[in-house]
Each structure stands twice: as C-alpha cells, then as structure tokens.
Amino acid sequence: MSMLKNGIKLLSIPLLSAAVATASASELSNGEALFKKNCSLCHAIDKRKLGPAVNSMSGEAATLRAIISKGKGAMPAYKGKLADAEIDALVEYLLANQ
C-alpha cells in the first residue's frame, strides 16, 4: 500500500510543476500587456527612453514594487491605479527581462 502512495506522490509532482509553470507564463503575459499599456511610453527593455531601460533597473523585487507603487522622480505612483496583483505581474515581467 505504501508503494502505491509513494507512486501517487511521485506522479503528482510533475503535475504541480506544470501548474506553476503555466501560472508563471500567464503572469508574464499579463505583465507584458500591463507594461505595454502603462510603461512603454517611458521605458524600453534595452534602451533608455524618458525613463531607464528595464535591463538597467534594480533586480530587487521589493525595490521595483515600491517604485511602481509610490512613484519616483517624474514617474507617477501606480498604487490605486493598478491592483496589487497587476503590480506583482509587472515586477515579474521586469525581472524576467533583465
């Protein structure tokens, strides 16, 4: 009986991993859409526009989250304009594109 339980546990690991990978892909897709809609006027992935290039931004999720939420310099605050989940999706997108 314990071999059967172990087998079931082993089979469930890849399924959980696939679910996590799918969630991450959809978050990145949502983050990309949010970036294009809200950020691309001032930011590009690999070059400076009005604001810094994504690949030169902080690699710290907490720092990016704080800047998006509270604003910095000429950048406006997005807290209240975007939901927390949307800000998180943007942070994930920015980190994935550094």
Protein backbone atom coordinates (compact mmCIF):
# COMPACT_ATOMS: atom_id res chain seq x y z
CA MET A 1 0.00 0.00 0.00
CA SER A 2 2.81 2.44 0.85
CA MET A 3 4.36 1.85 -2.61
CA LEU A 4 1.07 2.92 -4.15
CA LYS A 5 1.01 6.11 -2.04
CA ASN A 6 4.63 6.87 -2.97
CA GLY A 7 3.82 6.31 -6.64
CA ILE A 8 0.89 8.71 -6.45
CA LYS A 9 3.08 11.32 -4.74
CA LEU A 10 5.73 10.97 -7.43
CA LEU A 11 3.14 11.34 -10.18
CA SER A 12 1.67 14.47 -8.61
CA ILE A 13 4.99 16.37 -8.55
CA PRO A 14 5.19 16.91 -12.34
CA LEU A 15 1.54 17.96 -12.41
CA LEU A 16 2.14 20.58 -9.73
CA SER A 17 5.24 21.81 -11.53
CA ALA A 18 3.28 22.18 -14.76
CA ALA A 19 0.60 24.20 -12.97
CA VAL A 20 3.22 26.53 -11.51
CA ALA A 21 4.94 26.96 -14.89
CA THR A 22 1.59 27.79 -16.52
CA ALA A 23 0.80 30.37 -13.86
CA SER A 24 4.19 31.99 -14.34
CA ALA A 25 3.74 32.12 -18.12
CA SER A 26 0.33 33.74 -17.78
CA GLU A 27 1.67 36.21 -15.21
CA LEU A 28 4.47 37.16 -17.60
CA SER A 29 1.94 37.53 -20.41
CA ASN A 30 -0.24 39.75 -18.19
CA GLY A 31 2.87 41.65 -17.09
CA GLU A 32 3.85 42.23 -20.70
CA ALA A 33 0.39 43.57 -21.55
CA LEU A 34 0.47 45.84 -18.49
CA PHE A 35 3.97 47.03 -19.41
CA LYS A 36 2.93 47.86 -22.98
CA LYS A 37 -0.16 49.72 -21.75
CA ASN A 38 1.31 51.60 -18.77
CA CYS A 39 5.10 51.73 -19.06
CA SER A 40 6.30 51.54 -22.66
CA LEU A 41 5.80 55.25 -23.33
CA CYS A 42 8.69 55.98 -20.93
CA HIS A 43 10.57 52.65 -20.70
CA ALA A 44 12.02 50.10 -23.12
CA ILE A 45 13.60 46.74 -22.34
CA ASP A 46 17.07 47.53 -23.64
CA LYS A 47 17.33 51.30 -24.15
CA ARG A 48 16.70 54.47 -22.24
CA LYS A 49 13.65 56.49 -23.19
CA LEU A 50 12.22 59.09 -20.81
CA GLY A 51 12.94 56.63 -18.01
CA PRO A 52 15.60 53.97 -17.53
CA ALA A 53 15.78 50.81 -19.59
CA VAL A 54 14.33 47.71 -17.94
CA ASN A 55 17.67 45.90 -18.17
CA SER A 56 19.30 48.66 -16.11
CA MET A 57 16.66 48.70 -13.36
CA SER A 58 17.07 47.19 -9.92
CA GLY A 59 16.96 43.40 -9.78
CA GLU A 60 15.24 43.56 -6.39
CA ALA A 61 11.52 42.74 -6.49
CA ALA A 62 10.82 44.82 -3.36
CA THR A 63 12.53 47.88 -4.86
CA LEU A 64 10.66 47.60 -8.15
CA ARG A 65 7.36 47.07 -6.32
CA ALA A 66 7.97 50.16 -4.17
CA ILE A 67 8.88 52.36 -7.16
CA ILE A 68 5.86 51.23 -9.18
CA SER A 69 3.55 51.69 -6.18
CA LYS A 70 4.87 55.01 -4.83
CA GLY A 71 6.50 56.51 -7.91
CA LYS A 72 9.97 58.03 -8.08
CA GLY A 73 11.10 61.34 -9.56
CA ALA A 74 9.00 62.04 -12.65
CA MET A 75 7.41 58.59 -12.53
CA PRO A 76 3.89 58.67 -11.09
CA ALA A 77 2.65 56.29 -8.40
CA TYR A 78 0.54 53.40 -9.65
CA LYS A 79 -0.85 52.32 -6.28
CA GLY A 80 -4.61 52.71 -6.64
CA LYS A 81 -4.35 52.80 -10.44
CA LEU A 82 -3.24 49.16 -10.64
CA ALA A 83 -4.27 46.29 -8.39
CA ASP A 84 -1.59 44.68 -6.22
CA ALA A 85 -1.71 41.57 -8.44
CA GLU A 86 -1.08 43.75 -11.51
CA ILE A 87 1.90 45.41 -9.84
CA ASP A 88 3.23 41.94 -8.95
CA ALA A 89 2.78 40.84 -12.58
CA LEU A 90 4.73 43.92 -13.74
CA VAL A 91 7.52 43.17 -11.28
CA GLU A 92 7.75 39.57 -12.52
CA TYR A 93 7.84 40.79 -16.12
CA LEU A 94 10.57 43.34 -15.36
CA LEU A 95 12.70 40.78 -13.53
CA ALA A 96 12.29 38.27 -16.36
CA ASN A 97 13.51 40.85 -18.88
CA GLN A 98 16.69 42.00 -17.16
